Amino acid sequence: MTARPFRIGTGAAYSEDRIDPGVDMAARGDLDYLVFECLAERTLALAQVRRLRQGPGFDPWLEERFRQIVPVALARGTRIVSNMGAADPAGAENEEEAEPDNTDRDRECSADRAHRPTSRGQRP
């Protein structure tokens, strides 16, 4: 018996990367996980400055990225891993939970926090 490959893709490697390649990868990549690596020293410093000025300390593209990628990822059983929380991970989580149309997304995000197996198998 041959084990199925564990597939990881990258949806972003910089906080200002375009979302289209990530959406395409989620739709056609047969991925287990899609990673949005959006944090570096400069990005974290800018997020901290925004937070100190009473703005969001998380990635300003978070809502737009999730609005486009989550429906595709849910349909394909792909989990999302990200550090878009930057200087305010709790604020980023609250932002996504506050969206009025996130019923399915909230359920899946809560399940991810609990490490429930995906529809693809028993991988955490």
PDB file of N, CA and C in Angstrom:
ATOM      1  N   MET A   1       0.843  -1.183   0.000  1.00  0.00           N
ATOM      2  CA  MET A   1       0.000   0.000   0.000  1.00  0.00           C
ATOM      3  C   MET A   1       0.884   1.241   0.000  1.00  0.00           C
ATOM      4  N   THR A   2       0.624   2.137  -0.906  1.00  0.00           N
ATOM      5  CA  THR A   2       1.396   3.370  -1.012  1.00  0.00           C
ATOM      6  C   THR A   2       0.648   4.487  -0.301  1.00  0.00           C
ATOM      7  N   ALA A   3       1.357   5.194   0.555  1.00  0.00           N
ATOM      8  CA  ALA A   3       0.755   6.318   1.276  1.00  0.00           C
ATOM      9  C   ALA A   3       0.543   7.491   0.317  1.00  0.00           C
ATOM     10  N   ARG A   4      -0.543   8.186   0.503  1.00  0.00           N
ATOM     11  CA  ARG A   4      -0.830   9.372  -0.283  1.00  0.00           C
ATOM     12  C   ARG A   4       0.115  10.491   0.126  1.00  0.00           C
ATOM     13  N   PRO A   5       0.664  11.245  -0.824  1.00  0.00           N
ATOM     14  CA  PRO A   5       1.566  12.349  -0.466  1.00  0.00           C
ATOM     15  C   PRO A   5       0.850  13.402   0.380  1.00  0.00           C
ATOM     16  N   PHE A   6       1.578  13.995   1.257  1.00  0.00           N
ATOM     17  CA  PHE A   6       1.087  15.098   2.084  1.00  0.00           C
ATOM     18  C   PHE A   6       1.452  16.376   1.348  1.00  0.00           C
ATOM     19  N   ARG A   7       0.451  17.140   0.915  1.00  0.00           N
ATOM     20  CA  ARG A   7       0.704  18.292   0.038  1.00  0.00           C
ATOM     21  C   ARG A   7       0.484  19.606   0.754  1.00  0.00           C
ATOM     22  N   ILE A   8       1.509  20.464   0.676  1.00  0.00           N
ATOM     23  CA  ILE A   8       1.481  21.793   1.275  1.00  0.00           C
ATOM     24  C   ILE A   8       1.772  22.805   0.175  1.00  0.00           C
ATOM     25  N   GLY A   9       0.964  23.857   0.098  1.00  0.00           N
ATOM     26  CA  GLY A   9       1.194  24.923  -0.876  1.00  0.00           C
ATOM     27  C   GLY A   9       1.358  26.259  -0.166  1.00  0.00           C
ATOM     28  N   THR A  10       1.890  27.224  -0.882  1.00  0.00           N
ATOM     29  CA  THR A  10       2.084  28.561  -0.330  1.00  0.00           C
ATOM     30  C   THR A  10       1.170  29.540  -1.051  1.00  0.00           C
ATOM     31  N   GLY A  11       0.294  30.190  -0.285  1.00  0.00           N
ATOM     32  CA  GLY A  11      -0.628  31.172  -0.845  1.00  0.00           C
ATOM     33  C   GLY A  11      -0.072  32.576  -0.828  1.00  0.00           C
ATOM     34  N   ALA A  12       0.946  32.815  -0.004  1.00  0.00           N
ATOM     35  CA  ALA A  12       1.600  34.124   0.064  1.00  0.00           C
ATOM     36  C   ALA A  12       2.934  33.961   0.772  1.00  0.00           C
ATOM     37  N   ALA A  13       3.901  34.753   0.345  1.00  0.00           N
ATOM     38  CA  ALA A  13       5.214  34.747   0.983  1.00  0.00           C
ATOM     39  C   ALA A  13       5.587  36.156   1.443  1.00  0.00           C
ATOM     40  N   TYR A  14       4.613  37.047   1.384  1.00  0.00           N
ATOM     41  CA  TYR A  14       4.815  38.453   1.743  1.00  0.00           C
ATOM     42  C   TYR A  14       3.430  39.023   2.016  1.00  0.00           C
ATOM     43  N   SER A  15       3.336  39.959   2.922  1.00  0.00           N
ATOM     44  CA  SER A  15       2.017  40.462   3.314  1.00  0.00           C
ATOM     45  C   SER A  15       1.258  41.133   2.177  1.00  0.00           C
ATOM     46  N   GLU A  16       1.922  41.591   1.141  1.00  0.00           N
ATOM     47  CA  GLU A  16       1.236  42.268   0.040  1.00  0.00           C
ATOM     48  C   GLU A  16       1.171  41.423  -1.228  1.00  0.00           C
ATOM     49  N   ASP A  17       1.435  40.122  -1.112  1.00  0.00           N
ATOM     50  CA  ASP A  17       1.328  39.244  -2.279  1.00  0.00           C
ATOM     51  C   ASP A  17      -0.102  39.234  -2.813  1.00  0.00           C
ATOM     52  N   ARG A  18      -0.226  38.992  -4.112  1.00  0.00           N
ATOM     53  CA  ARG A  18      -1.544  38.871  -4.735  1.00  0.00           C
ATOM     54  C   ARG A  18      -2.219  37.600  -4.234  1.00  0.00           C
ATOM     55  N   ILE A  19      -3.543  37.598  -4.176  1.00  0.00           N
ATOM     56  CA  ILE A  19      -4.298  36.447  -3.686  1.00  0.00           C
ATOM     57  C   ILE A  19      -4.589  35.437  -4.801  1.00  0.00           C
ATOM     58  N   ASP A  20      -4.659  35.880  -6.043  1.00  0.00           N
ATOM     59  CA  ASP A  20      -5.051  34.998  -7.151  1.00  0.00           C
ATOM     60  C   ASP A  20      -4.237  33.710  -7.238  1.00  0.00           C
ATOM     61  N   PRO A  21      -2.907  33.745  -7.134  1.00  0.00           N
ATOM     62  CA  PRO A  21      -2.159  32.477  -7.189  1.00  0.00           C
ATOM     63  C   PRO A  21      -2.522  31.525  -6.043  1.00  0.00           C
ATOM     64  N   GLY A  22      -2.804  32.063  -4.860  1.00  0.00           N
ATOM     65  CA  GLY A  22      -3.211  31.219  -3.732  1.00  0.00           C
ATOM     66  C   GLY A  22      -4.568  30.570  -3.966  1.00  0.00           C
ATOM     67  N   VAL A  23      -5.492  31.332  -4.525  1.00  0.00           N
ATOM     68  CA  VAL A  23      -6.822  30.790  -4.833  1.00  0.00           C
ATOM     69  C   VAL A  23      -6.688  29.689  -5.885  1.00  0.00           C
ATOM     70  N   ASP A  24      -5.871  29.941  -6.900  1.00  0.00           N
ATOM     71  CA  ASP A  24      -5.657  28.946  -7.946  1.00  0.00           C
ATOM     72  C   ASP A  24      -5.021  27.679  -7.368  1.00  0.00           C
ATOM     73  N   MET A  25      -4.035  27.846  -6.506  1.00  0.00           N
ATOM     74  CA  MET A  25      -3.382  26.691  -5.904  1.00  0.00           C
ATOM     75  C   MET A  25      -4.370  25.892  -5.047  1.00  0.00           C
ATOM     76  N   ALA A  26      -5.220  26.601  -4.293  1.00  0.00           N
ATOM     77  CA  ALA A  26      -6.218  25.913  -3.466  1.00  0.00           C
ATOM     78  C   ALA A  26      -7.216  25.154  -4.340  1.00  0.00           C
ATOM     79  N   ALA A  27      -7.596  25.740  -5.445  1.00  0.00           N
ATOM     80  CA  ALA A  27      -8.593  25.122  -6.320  1.00  0.00           C
ATOM     81  C   ALA A  27      -8.044  23.935  -7.100  1.00  0.00           C
ATOM     82  N   ARG A  28      -6.769  23.993  -7.498  1.00  0.00           N
ATOM     83  CA  ARG A  28      -6.246  22.965  -8.397  1.00  0.00           C
ATOM     84  C   ARG A  28      -5.077  22.155  -7.834  1.00  0.00           C
ATOM     85  N   GLY A  29      -4.625  22.478  -6.615  1.00  0.00           N
ATOM     86  CA  GLY A  29      -3.418  21.855  -6.108  1.00  0.00           C
ATOM     87  C   GLY A  29      -3.596  20.584  -5.311  1.00  0.00           C
ATOM     88  N   ASP A  30      -4.834  20.172  -5.049  1.00  0.00           N
ATOM     89  CA  ASP A  30      -5.088  18.977  -4.240  1.00  0.00           C
ATOM     90  C   ASP A  30      -4.269  19.019  -2.952  1.00  0.00           C
ATOM     91  N   LEU A  31      -4.393  20.140  -2.225  1.00  0.00           N
ATOM     92  CA  LEU A  31      -3.570  20.404  -1.048  1.00  0.00           C
ATOM     93  C   LEU A  31      -4.218  19.925   0.240  1.00  0.00           C
ATOM     94  N   ASP A  32      -3.378  19.553   1.184  1.00  0.00           N
ATOM     95  CA  ASP A  32      -3.819  19.302   2.548  1.00  0.00           C
ATOM     96  C   ASP A  32      -3.804  20.618   3.332  1.00  0.00           C
ATOM     97  N   TYR A  33      -2.766  21.408   3.121  1.00  0.00           N
ATOM     98  CA  TYR A  33      -2.599  22.690   3.812  1.00  0.00           C
ATOM     99  C   TYR A  33      -2.172  23.756   2.815  1.00  0.00           C
ATOM    100  N   LEU A  34      -2.654  24.979   3.023  1.00  0.00           N
ATOM    101  CA  LEU A  34      -2.232  26.140   2.256  1.00  0.00           C
ATOM    102  C   LEU A  34      -1.712  27.168   3.257  1.00  0.00           C
ATOM    103  N   VAL A  35      -0.467  27.586   3.079  1.00  0.00           N
ATOM    104  CA  VAL A  35       0.201  28.462   4.036  1.00  0.00           C
ATOM    105  C   VAL A  35       0.264  29.887   3.500  1.00  0.00           C
ATOM    106  N   PHE A  36      -0.109  30.830   4.354  1.00  0.00           N
ATOM    107  CA  PHE A  36       0.052  32.250   4.056  1.00  0.00           C
ATOM    108  C   PHE A  36       1.111  32.784   5.001  1.00  0.00           C
ATOM    109  N   GLU A  37       2.333  32.871   4.513  1.00  0.00           N
ATOM    110  CA  GLU A  37       3.468  33.362   5.291  1.00  0.00           C
ATOM    111  C   GLU A  37       3.555  34.865   5.038  1.00  0.00           C
ATOM    112  N   CYS A  38       2.946  35.630   5.914  1.00  0.00           N
ATOM    113  CA  CYS A  38       2.791  37.066   5.680  1.00  0.00           C
ATOM    114  C   CYS A  38       3.500  37.925   6.717  1.00  0.00           C
ATOM    115  N   LEU A  39       4.466  37.377   7.407  1.00  0.00           N
ATOM    116  CA  LEU A  39       5.064  38.117   8.507  1.00  0.00           C
ATOM    117  C   LEU A  39       6.580  38.131   8.404  1.00  0.00           C
ATOM    118  N   ALA A  40       7.134  39.308   8.474  1.00  0.00           N
ATOM    119  CA  ALA A  40       8.577  39.504   8.558  1.00  0.00           C
ATOM    120  C   ALA A  40       8.803  40.678   9.514  1.00  0.00           C
ATOM    121  N   GLU A  41      10.027  41.001   9.764  1.00  0.00           N
ATOM    122  CA  GLU A  41      10.329  42.060  10.727  1.00  0.00           C
ATOM    123  C   GLU A  41       9.655  43.375  10.350  1.00  0.00           C
ATOM    124  N   ARG A  42       9.747  43.766   9.079  1.00  0.00           N
ATOM    125  CA  ARG A  42       9.139  45.025   8.631  1.00  0.00           C
ATOM    126  C   ARG A  42       7.620  44.978   8.797  1.00  0.00           C
ATOM    127  N   THR A  43       7.029  43.869   8.402  1.00  0.00           N
ATOM    128  CA  THR A  43       5.578  43.711   8.490  1.00  0.00           C
ATOM    129  C   THR A  43       5.109  43.767   9.942  1.00  0.00           C
ATOM    130  N   LEU A  44       5.838  43.110  10.828  1.00  0.00           N
ATOM    131  CA  LEU A  44       5.491  43.122  12.247  1.00  0.00           C
ATOM    132  C   LEU A  44       5.630  44.526  12.829  1.00  0.00           C
ATOM    133  N   ALA A  45       6.688  45.249  12.439  1.00  0.00           N
ATOM    134  CA  ALA A  45       6.876  46.621  12.925  1.00  0.00           C
ATOM    135  C   ALA A  45       5.728  47.518  12.463  1.00  0.00           C
ATOM    136  N   LEU A  46       5.337  47.403  11.197  1.00  0.00           N
ATOM    137  CA  LEU A  46       4.217  48.210  10.691  1.00  0.00           C
ATOM    138  C   LEU A  46       2.906  47.852  11.395  1.00  0.00           C
ATOM    139  N   ALA A  47       2.702  46.576  11.674  1.00  0.00           N
ATOM    140  CA  ALA A  47       1.491  46.149  12.381  1.00  0.00           C
ATOM    141  C   ALA A  47       1.476  46.708  13.803  1.00  0.00           C
ATOM    142  N   GLN A  48       2.627  46.709  14.444  1.00  0.00           N
ATOM    143  CA  GLN A  48       2.704  47.247  15.810  1.00  0.00           C
ATOM    144  C   GLN A  48       2.412  48.742  15.807  1.00  0.00           C
ATOM    145  N   VAL A  49       2.916  49.467  14.829  1.00  0.00           N
ATOM    146  CA  VAL A  49       2.634  50.908  14.720  1.00  0.00           C
ATOM    147  C   VAL A  49       1.134  51.125  14.522  1.00  0.00           C
ATOM    148  N   ARG A  50       0.506  50.352  13.624  1.00  0.00           N
ATOM    149  CA  ARG A  50      -0.953  50.473  13.419  1.00  0.00           C
ATOM    150  C   ARG A  50      -1.697  50.217  14.715  1.00  0.00           C
ATOM    151  N   ARG A  51      -1.293  49.207  15.431  1.00  0.00           N
ATOM    152  CA  ARG A  51      -1.963  48.854  16.691  1.00  0.00           C
ATOM    153  C   ARG A  51      -1.810  49.962  17.727  1.00  0.00           C
ATOM    154  N   LEU A  52      -0.615  50.538  17.824  1.00  0.00           N
ATOM    155  CA  LEU A  52      -0.383  51.636  18.768  1.00  0.00           C
ATOM    156  C   LEU A  52      -1.216  52.862  18.424  1.00  0.00           C
ATOM    157  N   ARG A  53      -1.569  53.007  17.165  1.00  0.00           N
ATOM    158  CA  ARG A  53      -2.415  54.130  16.706  1.00  0.00           C
ATOM    159  C   ARG A  53      -3.894  53.759  16.747  1.00  0.00           C
ATOM    160  N   GLN A  54      -4.217  52.715  17.477  1.00  0.00           N
ATOM    161  CA  GLN A  54      -5.595  52.235  17.674  1.00  0.00           C
ATOM    162  C   GLN A  54      -6.199  51.616  16.420  1.00  0.00           C
ATOM    163  N   GLY A  55      -5.377  51.203  15.510  1.00  0.00           N
ATOM    164  CA  GLY A  55      -5.853  50.506  14.315  1.00  0.00           C
ATOM    165  C   GLY A  55      -5.680  49.012  14.493  1.00  0.00           C
ATOM    166  N   PRO A  56      -6.000  48.252  13.470  1.00  0.00           N
ATOM    167  CA  PRO A  56      -5.825  46.804  13.569  1.00  0.00           C
ATOM    168  C   PRO A  56      -4.344  46.429  13.549  1.00  0.00           C
ATOM    169  N   GLY A  57      -3.943  45.567  14.454  1.00  0.00           N
ATOM    170  CA  GLY A  57      -2.565  45.112  14.505  1.00  0.00           C
ATOM    171  C   GLY A  57      -2.334  43.867  13.680  1.00  0.00           C
ATOM    172  N   PHE A  58      -3.349  43.449  12.931  1.00  0.00           N
ATOM    173  CA  PHE A  58      -3.222  42.264  12.087  1.00  0.00           C
ATOM    174  C   PHE A  58      -3.106  42.691  10.628  1.00  0.00           C
ATOM    175  N   ASP A  59      -2.856  41.733   9.762  1.00  0.00           N
ATOM    176  CA  ASP A  59      -2.667  41.978   8.335  1.00  0.00           C
ATOM    177  C   ASP A  59      -3.899  42.673   7.749  1.00  0.00           C
ATOM    178  N   PRO A  60      -3.717  43.836   7.121  1.00  0.00           N
ATOM    179  CA  PRO A  60      -4.872  44.553   6.567  1.00  0.00           C
ATOM    180  C   PRO A  60      -5.558  43.810   5.424  1.00  0.00           C
ATOM    181  N   TRP A  61      -4.910  42.822   4.837  1.00  0.00           N
ATOM    182  CA  TRP A  61      -5.485  42.035   3.747  1.00  0.00           C
ATOM    183  C   TRP A  61      -6.191  40.786   4.245  1.00  0.00           C
ATOM    184  N   LEU A  62      -6.236  40.586   5.556  1.00  0.00           N
ATOM    185  CA  LEU A  62      -6.812  39.360   6.120  1.00  0.00           C
ATOM    186  C   LEU A  62      -8.234  39.107   5.625  1.00  0.00           C
ATOM    187  N   GLU A  63      -9.099  40.073   5.750  1.00  0.00           N
ATOM    188  CA  GLU A  63     -10.509  39.879   5.366  1.00  0.00           C
ATOM    189  C   GLU A  63     -10.632  39.560   3.874  1.00  0.00           C
ATOM    190  N   GLU A  64      -9.927  40.316   3.044  1.00  0.00           N
ATOM    191  CA  GLU A  64     -10.002  40.089   1.599  1.00  0.00           C
ATOM    192  C   GLU A  64      -9.468  38.707   1.233  1.00  0.00           C
ATOM    193  N   ARG A  65      -8.339  38.326   1.812  1.00  0.00           N
ATOM    194  CA  ARG A  65      -7.782  37.000   1.516  1.00  0.00           C
ATOM    195  C   ARG A  65      -8.740  35.900   1.933  1.00  0.00           C
ATOM    196  N   PHE A  66      -9.262  35.995   3.141  1.00  0.00           N
ATOM    197  CA  PHE A  66     -10.144  34.939   3.639  1.00  0.00           C
ATOM    198  C   PHE A  66     -11.440  34.889   2.850  1.00  0.00           C
ATOM    199  N   ARG A  67     -11.961  36.032   2.448  1.00  0.00           N
ATOM    200  CA  ARG A  67     -13.204  36.045   1.681  1.00  0.00           C
ATOM    201  C   ARG A  67     -13.034  35.272   0.368  1.00  0.00           C
ATOM    202  N   GLN A  68     -11.850  35.363  -0.220  1.00  0.00           N
ATOM    203  CA  GLN A  68     -11.621  34.676  -1.488  1.00  0.00           C
ATOM    204  C   GLN A  68     -11.164  33.232  -1.316  1.00  0.00           C
ATOM    205  N   ILE A  69     -10.369  32.952  -0.297  1.00  0.00           N
ATOM    206  CA  ILE A  69      -9.740  31.637  -0.196  1.00  0.00           C
ATOM    207  C   ILE A  69     -10.555  30.626   0.604  1.00  0.00           C
ATOM    208  N   VAL A  70     -11.261  31.059   1.627  1.00  0.00           N
ATOM    209  CA  VAL A  70     -11.950  30.112   2.512  1.00  0.00           C
ATOM    210  C   VAL A  70     -12.997  29.275   1.786  1.00  0.00           C
ATOM    211  N   PRO A  71     -13.837  29.845   0.948  1.00  0.00           N
ATOM    212  CA  PRO A  71     -14.819  28.980   0.267  1.00  0.00           C
ATOM    213  C   PRO A  71     -14.153  27.887  -0.581  1.00  0.00           C
ATOM    214  N   VAL A  72     -13.068  28.223  -1.250  1.00  0.00           N
ATOM    215  CA  VAL A  72     -12.354  27.245  -2.072  1.00  0.00           C
ATOM    216  C   VAL A  72     -11.717  26.192  -1.174  1.00  0.00           C
ATOM    217  N   ALA A  73     -11.063  26.633  -0.095  1.00  0.00           N
ATOM    218  CA  ALA A  73     -10.396  25.694   0.815  1.00  0.00           C
ATOM    219  C   ALA A  73     -11.401  24.752   1.478  1.00  0.00           C
ATOM    220  N   LEU A  74     -12.532  25.278   1.902  1.00  0.00           N
ATOM    221  CA  LEU A  74     -13.548  24.422   2.527  1.00  0.00           C
ATOM    222  C   LEU A  74     -14.063  23.378   1.544  1.00  0.00           C
ATOM    223  N   ALA A  75     -14.310  23.801   0.318  1.00  0.00           N
ATOM    224  CA  ALA A  75     -14.830  22.877  -0.689  1.00  0.00           C
ATOM    225  C   ALA A  75     -13.836  21.764  -1.001  1.00  0.00           C
ATOM    226  N   ARG A  76     -12.548  22.058  -0.896  1.00  0.00           N
ATOM    227  CA  ARG A  76     -11.514  21.079  -1.227  1.00  0.00           C
ATOM    228  C   ARG A  76     -10.964  20.342  -0.008  1.00  0.00           C
ATOM    229  N   GLY A  77     -11.389  20.726   1.202  1.00  0.00           N
ATOM    230  CA  GLY A  77     -10.872  20.091   2.408  1.00  0.00           C
ATOM    231  C   GLY A  77      -9.461  20.519   2.763  1.00  0.00           C
ATOM    232  N   THR A  78      -9.075  21.700   2.329  1.00  0.00           N
ATOM    233  CA  THR A  78      -7.733  22.231   2.580  1.00  0.00           C
ATOM    234  C   THR A  78      -7.749  23.111   3.817  1.00  0.00           C
ATOM    235  N   ARG A  79      -6.802  22.878   4.707  1.00  0.00           N
ATOM    236  CA  ARG A  79      -6.676  23.713   5.900  1.00  0.00           C
ATOM    237  C   ARG A  79      -5.748  24.887   5.612  1.00  0.00           C
ATOM    238  N   ILE A  80      -6.029  26.015   6.257  1.00  0.00           N
ATOM    239  CA  ILE A  80      -5.245  27.227   6.074  1.00  0.00           C
ATOM    240  C   ILE A  80      -4.381  27.445   7.303  1.00  0.00           C
ATOM    241  N   VAL A  81      -3.105  27.738   7.062  1.00  0.00           N
ATOM    242  CA  VAL A  81      -2.163  28.074   8.122  1.00  0.00           C
ATOM    243  C   VAL A  81      -1.636  29.464   7.803  1.00  0.00           C
ATOM    244  N   SER A  82      -1.642  30.347   8.794  1.00  0.00           N
ATOM    245  CA  SER A  82      -1.206  31.706   8.521  1.00  0.00           C
ATOM    246  C   SER A  82      -0.689  32.397   9.767  1.00  0.00           C
ATOM    247  N   ASN A  83       0.098  33.411   9.536  1.00  0.00           N
ATOM    248  CA  ASN A  83       0.531  34.288  10.609  1.00  0.00           C
ATOM    249  C   ASN A  83       0.054  35.712  10.327  1.00  0.00           C
ATOM    250  N   MET A  84      -1.110  35.841   9.704  1.00  0.00           N
ATOM    251  CA  MET A  84      -1.668  37.156   9.383  1.00  0.00           C
ATOM    252  C   MET A  84      -2.121  37.916  10.619  1.00  0.00           C
ATOM    253  N   GLY A  85      -2.080  37.275  11.782  1.00  0.00           N
ATOM    254  CA  GLY A  85      -2.432  37.964  13.013  1.00  0.00           C
ATOM    255  C   GLY A  85      -1.418  39.021  13.405  1.00  0.00           C
ATOM    256  N   ALA A  86      -0.192  38.889  12.918  1.00  0.00           N
ATOM    257  CA  ALA A  86       0.899  39.854  13.138  1.00  0.00           C
ATOM    258  C   ALA A  86       1.002  40.266  14.600  1.00  0.00           C
ATOM    259  N   ALA A  87       0.795  41.546  14.885  1.00  0.00           N
ATOM    260  CA  ALA A  87       0.934  42.062  16.249  1.00  0.00           C
ATOM    261  C   ALA A  87      -0.335  41.892  17.073  1.00  0.00           C
ATOM    262  N   ASP A  88      -1.378  41.320  16.473  1.00  0.00           N
ATOM    263  CA  ASP A  88      -2.653  41.182  17.181  1.00  0.00           C
ATOM    264  C   ASP A  88      -3.406  39.932  16.711  1.00  0.00           C
ATOM    265  N   PRO A  89      -2.891  38.730  17.032  1.00  0.00           N
ATOM    266  CA  PRO A  89      -3.570  37.506  16.587  1.00  0.00           C
ATOM    267  C   PRO A  89      -4.998  37.386  17.095  1.00  0.00           C
ATOM    268  N   ALA A  90      -5.235  37.806  18.333  1.00  0.00           N
ATOM    269  CA  ALA A  90      -6.596  37.734  18.881  1.00  0.00           C
ATOM    270  C   ALA A  90      -7.530  38.671  18.124  1.00  0.00           C
ATOM    271  N   GLY A  91      -7.043  39.835  17.737  1.00  0.00           N
ATOM    272  CA  GLY A  91      -7.848  40.776  16.955  1.00  0.00           C
ATOM    273  C   GLY A  91      -8.185  40.217  15.585  1.00  0.00           C
ATOM    274  N   ALA A  92      -7.227  39.512  14.985  1.00  0.00           N
ATOM    275  CA  ALA A  92      -7.472  38.890  13.684  1.00  0.00           C
ATOM    276  C   ALA A  92      -8.545  37.813  13.808  1.00  0.00           C
ATOM    277  N   GLU A  93      -8.468  37.019  14.859  1.00  0.00           N
ATOM    278  CA  GLU A  93      -9.472  35.972  15.073  1.00  0.00           C
ATOM    279  C   GLU A  93     -10.849  36.597  15.286  1.00  0.00           C
ATOM    280  N   ASN A  94     -10.915  37.651  16.088  1.00  0.00           N
ATOM    281  CA  ASN A  94     -12.194  38.335  16.341  1.00  0.00           C
ATOM    282  C   ASN A  94     -12.752  38.966  15.073  1.00  0.00           C
ATOM    283  N   GLU A  95     -11.878  39.494  14.227  1.00  0.00           N
ATOM    284  CA  GLU A  95     -12.312  40.094  12.958  1.00  0.00           C
ATOM    285  C   GLU A  95     -13.013  39.056  12.098  1.00  0.00           C
ATOM    286  N   GLU A  96     -12.440  37.888  11.978  1.00  0.00           N
ATOM    287  CA  GLU A  96     -13.032  36.842  11.160  1.00  0.00           C
ATOM    288  C   GLU A  96     -14.309  36.290  11.780  1.00  0.00           C
ATOM    289  N   GLU A  97     -14.361  36.182  13.089  1.00  0.00           N
ATOM    290  CA  GLU A  97     -15.570  35.677  13.742  1.00  0.00           C
ATOM    291  C   GLU A  97     -16.710  36.676  13.666  1.00  0.00           C
ATOM    292  N   ALA A  98     -16.392  37.959  13.500  1.00  0.00           N
ATOM    293  CA  ALA A  98     -17.417  39.006  13.464  1.00  0.00           C
ATOM    294  C   ALA A  98     -18.101  39.108  12.101  1.00  0.00           C
ATOM    295  N   GLU A  99     -17.516  38.514  11.082  1.00  0.00           N
ATOM    296  CA  GLU A  99     -18.117  38.578   9.748  1.00  0.00           C
ATOM    297  C   GLU A  99     -19.484  37.896   9.769  1.00  0.00           C
ATOM    298  N   PRO A 100     -20.524  38.551   9.232  1.00  0.00           N
ATOM    299  CA  PRO A 100     -21.878  37.989   9.306  1.00  0.00           C
ATOM    300  C   PRO A 100     -22.092  36.728   8.481  1.00  0.00           C
ATOM    301  N   ASP A 101     -21.302  36.492   7.446  1.00  0.00           N
ATOM    302  CA  ASP A 101     -21.544  35.343   6.576  1.00  0.00           C
ATOM    303  C   ASP A 101     -20.564  34.201   6.820  1.00  0.00           C
ATOM    304  N   ASN A 102     -20.027  34.114   8.022  1.00  0.00           N
ATOM    305  CA  ASN A 102     -18.970  33.140   8.296  1.00  0.00           C
ATOM    306  C   ASN A 102     -19.443  31.898   9.046  1.00  0.00           C
ATOM    307  N   THR A 103     -20.690  31.515   8.957  1.00  0.00           N
ATOM    308  CA  THR A 103     -21.180  30.380   9.721  1.00  0.00           C
ATOM    309  C   THR A 103     -20.371  29.123   9.447  1.00  0.00           C
ATOM    310  N   ASP A 104     -20.215  28.760   8.179  1.00  0.00           N
ATOM    311  CA  ASP A 104     -19.430  27.564   7.843  1.00  0.00           C
ATOM    312  C   ASP A 104     -17.964  27.764   8.179  1.00  0.00           C
ATOM    313  N   ARG A 105     -17.456  28.950   7.915  1.00  0.00           N
ATOM    314  CA  ARG A 105     -16.049  29.228   8.179  1.00  0.00           C
ATOM    315  C   ARG A 105     -15.761  29.154   9.669  1.00  0.00           C
ATOM    316  N   ASP A 106     -16.638  29.723  10.513  1.00  0.00           N
ATOM    317  CA  ASP A 106     -16.432  29.671  11.961  1.00  0.00           C
ATOM    318  C   ASP A 106     -16.413  28.232  12.453  1.00  0.00           C
ATOM    319  N   ARG A 107     -17.324  27.422  11.945  1.00  0.00           N
ATOM    320  CA  ARG A 107     -17.379  26.030  12.361  1.00  0.00           C
ATOM    321  C   ARG A 107     -16.079  25.324  11.975  1.00  0.00           C
ATOM    322  N   GLU A 108     -15.597  25.567  10.765  1.00  0.00           N
ATOM    323  CA  GLU A 108     -14.364  24.921  10.305  1.00  0.00           C
ATOM    324  C   GLU A 108     -13.153  25.465  11.063  1.00  0.00           C
ATOM    325  N   CYS A 109     -13.098  26.769  11.309  1.00  0.00           N
ATOM    326  CA  CYS A 109     -11.969  27.341  12.049  1.00  0.00           C
ATOM    327  C   CYS A 109     -11.933  26.796  13.468  1.00  0.00           C
ATOM    328  N   SER A 110     -13.083  26.674  14.103  1.00  0.00           N
ATOM    329  CA  SER A 110     -13.129  26.102  15.444  1.00  0.00           C
ATOM    330  C   SER A 110     -12.666  24.656  15.412  1.00  0.00           C
ATOM    331  N   ALA A 111     -13.061  23.931  14.384  1.00  0.00           N
ATOM    332  CA  ALA A 111     -12.634  22.540  14.257  1.00  0.00           C
ATOM    333  C   ALA A 111     -11.124  22.465  14.055  1.00  0.00           C
ATOM    334  N   ASP A 112     -10.570  23.391  13.288  1.00  0.00           N
ATOM    335  CA  ASP A 112      -9.122  23.401  13.086  1.00  0.00           C
ATOM    336  C   ASP A 112      -8.401  23.632  14.400  1.00  0.00           C
ATOM    337  N   ARG A 113      -8.937  24.520  15.236  1.00  0.00           N
ATOM    338  CA  ARG A 113      -8.295  24.761  16.526  1.00  0.00           C
ATOM    339  C   ARG A 113      -8.289  23.487  17.358  1.00  0.00           C
ATOM    340  N   ALA A 114      -9.296  22.660  17.157  1.00  0.00           N
ATOM    341  CA  ALA A 114      -9.378  21.407  17.911  1.00  0.00           C
ATOM    342  C   ALA A 114      -8.647  20.262  17.188  1.00  0.00           C
ATOM    343  N   HIS A 115      -8.069  20.549  16.020  1.00  0.00           N
ATOM    344  CA  HIS A 115      -7.323  19.563  15.235  1.00  0.00           C
ATOM    345  C   HIS A 115      -8.177  18.371  14.826  1.00  0.00           C
ATOM    346  N   ARG A 116      -9.399  18.650  14.408  1.00  0.00           N
ATOM    347  CA  ARG A 116     -10.268  17.587  13.904  1.00  0.00           C
ATOM    348  C   ARG A 116      -9.738  17.101  12.561  1.00  0.00           C
ATOM    349  N   PRO A 117      -9.770  15.817  12.291  1.00  0.00           N
ATOM    350  CA  PRO A 117      -9.314  15.314  10.995  1.00  0.00           C
ATOM    351  C   PRO A 117     -10.127  15.924   9.862  1.00  0.00           C
ATOM    352  N   THR A 118      -9.497  16.118   8.721  1.00  0.00           N
ATOM    353  CA  THR A 118     -10.189  16.659   7.555  1.00  0.00           C
ATOM    354  C   THR A 118     -10.960  15.563   6.855  1.00  0.00           C
ATOM    355  N   SER A 119     -11.695  15.938   5.839  1.00  0.00           N
ATOM    356  CA  SER A 119     -12.446  14.953   5.070  1.00  0.00           C
ATOM    357  C   SER A 119     -11.533  14.058   4.251  1.00  0.00           C
ATOM    358  N   ARG A 120     -10.259  14.422   4.139  1.00  0.00           N
ATOM    359  CA  ARG A 120      -9.310  13.637   3.356  1.00  0.00           C
ATOM    360  C   ARG A 120      -8.724  12.473   4.115  1.00  0.00           C
ATOM    361  N   GLY A 121      -8.895  12.407   5.397  1.00  0.00           N
ATOM    362  CA  GLY A 121      -8.292  11.306   6.128  1.00  0.00           C
ATOM    363  C   GLY A 121      -8.106  11.666   7.587  1.00  0.00           C
ATOM    364  N   GLN A 122      -7.251  10.942   8.228  1.00  0.00           N
ATOM    365  CA  GLN A 122      -7.075  11.120   9.658  1.00  0.00           C
ATOM    366  C   GLN A 122      -5.858  11.954  10.019  1.00  0.00           C
ATOM    367  N   ARG A 123      -5.470  12.862   9.148  1.00  0.00           N
ATOM    368  CA  ARG A 123      -4.333  13.732   9.454  1.00  0.00           C
ATOM    369  C   ARG A 123      -4.779  14.860  10.360  1.00  0.00           C
ATOM    370  N   PRO A 124      -3.955  15.249  11.326  1.00  0.00           N
ATOM    371  CA  PRO A 124      -4.325  16.371  12.205  1.00  0.00           C
ATOM    372  C   PRO A 124      -4.253  17.681  11.482  1.00  0.00           C
TER     373      PRO A 124
END
